[in-house]
Amino acid sequence: MTEQLLHLTERPLWEAARTAGTYEMSTRGRTLREEGFIHCSLPHQLPAVARAVYGAESEGLVVLVIDPGRLAAPVRYEALEPGGEEFPHIYGPLPASAVVDVRPWAEPLARREGEAG
C-alpha cells in the first residue's frame, strides 16, 4: 500500500472544499493556481512543516489524510533545494473523495515543550 499523504489546512477552507467537491489551496495563503501544486507531507514530516507554516498556532487546523490511489493528478516528490528532503506535491486539484480522514491538528505537547528554550 502507498503511504498516505497529509495536508495541514484551516477547517473553514476544508469545509468549503468538501462542499465544492475539490480542494485547491496549496499552502497557507497560497492557492493551487498560484503555486502550481498542493503541498503535502509524509507523517514524519508534518510536525516540522506545521511549525514552519503555522508556528505555535493550532486552533482550527485540521490534517487531511489523503489516499494517493484516489488522485487523478500526479504526485511528485521534490526537494526545496538540491539534495534536500523530498516532499510530496499534488499537481492538480484534490478531490474531496481522496480525503479518507480529517483529524484536528495538535502537535504533541511534550514535543512543543521539549523544543522551548
Protein backbone atom coordinates (compact mmCIF):
# COMPACT_ATOMS: atom_id res chain seq x y z
CA MET A 1 0.00 0.00 0.00
CA THR A 2 1.19 3.50 -0.81
CA GLU A 3 1.86 5.74 2.18
CA GLN A 4 -0.87 8.25 2.94
CA LEU A 5 -0.19 11.88 2.21
CA LEU A 6 -1.02 14.60 4.73
CA HIS A 7 -2.01 18.20 4.20
CA LEU A 8 -2.47 20.73 7.01
CA THR A 9 -5.14 23.36 6.49
CA GLU A 10 -7.67 25.56 8.20
CA ARG A 11 -11.01 23.90 8.96
CA PRO A 12 -13.15 26.52 7.11
CA LEU A 13 -11.09 26.03 3.93
CA TRP A 14 -11.60 22.27 4.11
CA GLU A 15 -15.33 22.64 4.81
CA ALA A 16 -15.74 24.89 1.75
CA ALA A 17 -13.77 22.43 -0.39
CA ARG A 18 -15.81 19.49 0.85
CA THR A 19 -18.97 21.31 -0.22
CA ALA A 20 -17.45 22.20 -3.61
CA GLY A 21 -16.04 18.70 -4.14
CA THR A 22 -12.41 19.76 -4.60
CA TYR A 23 -9.71 21.39 -2.51
CA GLU A 24 -7.48 23.89 -4.30
CA MET A 25 -5.28 25.53 -1.67
CA SER A 26 -1.56 24.89 -1.92
CA THR A 27 -0.41 26.10 1.47
CA ARG A 28 -1.30 28.84 3.92
CA GLY A 29 -2.44 31.87 1.92
CA ARG A 30 -1.50 30.38 -1.49
CA THR A 31 -3.77 28.63 -3.96
CA LEU A 32 -3.04 25.73 -6.29
CA ARG A 33 -3.28 28.16 -9.19
CA GLU A 34 -0.65 30.48 -7.63
CA GLU A 35 1.77 27.73 -6.57
CA GLY A 36 1.21 25.10 -9.28
CA PHE A 37 0.75 22.22 -6.84
CA ILE A 38 -0.64 21.35 -3.41
CA HIS A 39 1.99 20.96 -0.69
CA CYS A 40 1.74 17.70 1.25
CA SER A 41 3.78 15.87 3.85
CA LEU A 42 4.51 12.36 4.93
CA PRO A 43 3.62 11.60 8.56
CA HIS A 44 7.18 12.10 9.86
CA GLN A 45 7.42 15.48 8.07
CA LEU A 46 4.20 17.04 9.34
CA PRO A 47 5.33 18.42 12.73
CA ALA A 48 8.20 20.43 11.19
CA VAL A 49 6.00 21.64 8.33
CA ALA A 50 3.30 22.72 10.79
CA ARG A 51 5.82 24.72 12.82
CA ALA A 52 7.26 26.34 9.69
CA VAL A 53 3.90 27.30 8.22
CA TYR A 54 1.72 27.96 11.28
CA GLY A 55 4.17 28.40 14.17
CA ALA A 56 2.58 27.63 17.53
CA GLU A 57 -0.90 28.18 16.10
CA SER A 58 -3.07 25.06 16.14
CA GLU A 59 -6.56 26.42 16.74
CA GLY A 60 -8.88 25.44 13.91
CA LEU A 61 -6.28 23.46 11.95
CA VAL A 62 -7.03 20.04 10.52
CA VAL A 63 -4.93 17.35 8.87
CA LEU A 64 -6.33 15.95 5.65
CA VAL A 65 -5.33 12.30 5.24
CA ILE A 66 -5.12 11.62 1.51
CA ASP A 67 -5.20 8.27 -0.28
CA PRO A 68 -2.86 8.79 -3.27
CA GLY A 69 -4.63 5.94 -5.07
CA ARG A 70 -7.74 8.13 -5.32
CA LEU A 71 -5.96 11.01 -7.04
CA ALA A 72 -6.23 11.74 -10.76
CA ALA A 73 -3.43 14.35 -10.60
CA PRO A 74 0.20 13.23 -10.44
CA VAL A 75 2.14 13.26 -7.17
CA ARG A 76 5.81 14.23 -7.39
CA TYR A 77 8.35 14.08 -4.58
CA GLU A 78 10.54 17.16 -4.73
CA ALA A 79 13.16 18.84 -2.57
CA LEU A 80 13.23 22.56 -1.84
CA GLU A 81 16.95 22.54 -2.59
CA PRO A 82 19.26 20.03 -4.31
CA GLY A 83 19.98 17.11 -2.00
CA GLY A 84 17.32 18.21 0.48
CA GLU A 85 14.46 16.18 1.88
CA GLU A 86 11.75 15.44 -0.67
CA PHE A 87 8.13 16.36 -0.01
CA PRO A 88 5.07 15.13 -1.91
CA HIS A 89 3.31 17.64 -4.16
CA ILE A 90 -0.04 17.07 -5.86
CA TYR A 91 -0.05 18.64 -9.32
CA GLY A 92 -3.76 19.31 -9.60
CA PRO A 93 -6.92 19.69 -7.53
CA LEU A 94 -7.50 17.41 -4.57
CA PRO A 95 -10.89 15.67 -4.89
CA ALA A 96 -12.75 15.58 -1.59
CA SER A 97 -13.28 11.86 -2.22
CA ALA A 98 -9.50 11.27 -1.94
CA VAL A 99 -9.52 12.55 1.66
CA VAL A 100 -10.06 9.44 3.78
CA ASP A 101 -9.83 11.09 7.19
CA VAL A 102 -9.79 14.58 8.72
CA ARG A 103 -8.09 14.97 12.09
CA PRO A 104 -7.75 18.00 14.31
CA TRP A 105 -4.14 19.18 14.45
CA ALA A 106 -2.48 19.33 17.81
CA GLU A 107 1.22 18.60 17.87
CA PRO A 108 2.04 16.55 20.97
CA LEU A 109 2.52 18.92 23.91
CA ALA A 110 5.69 17.15 25.05
CA ARG A 111 7.37 17.83 21.71
CA ARG A 112 6.49 21.54 21.81
CA GLU A 113 7.68 21.88 25.40
CA GLY A 114 10.91 19.99 24.64
CA GLU A 115 11.78 22.49 21.91
CA ALA A 116 11.24 25.57 24.03
CA GLY A 117 14.33 27.32 25.17
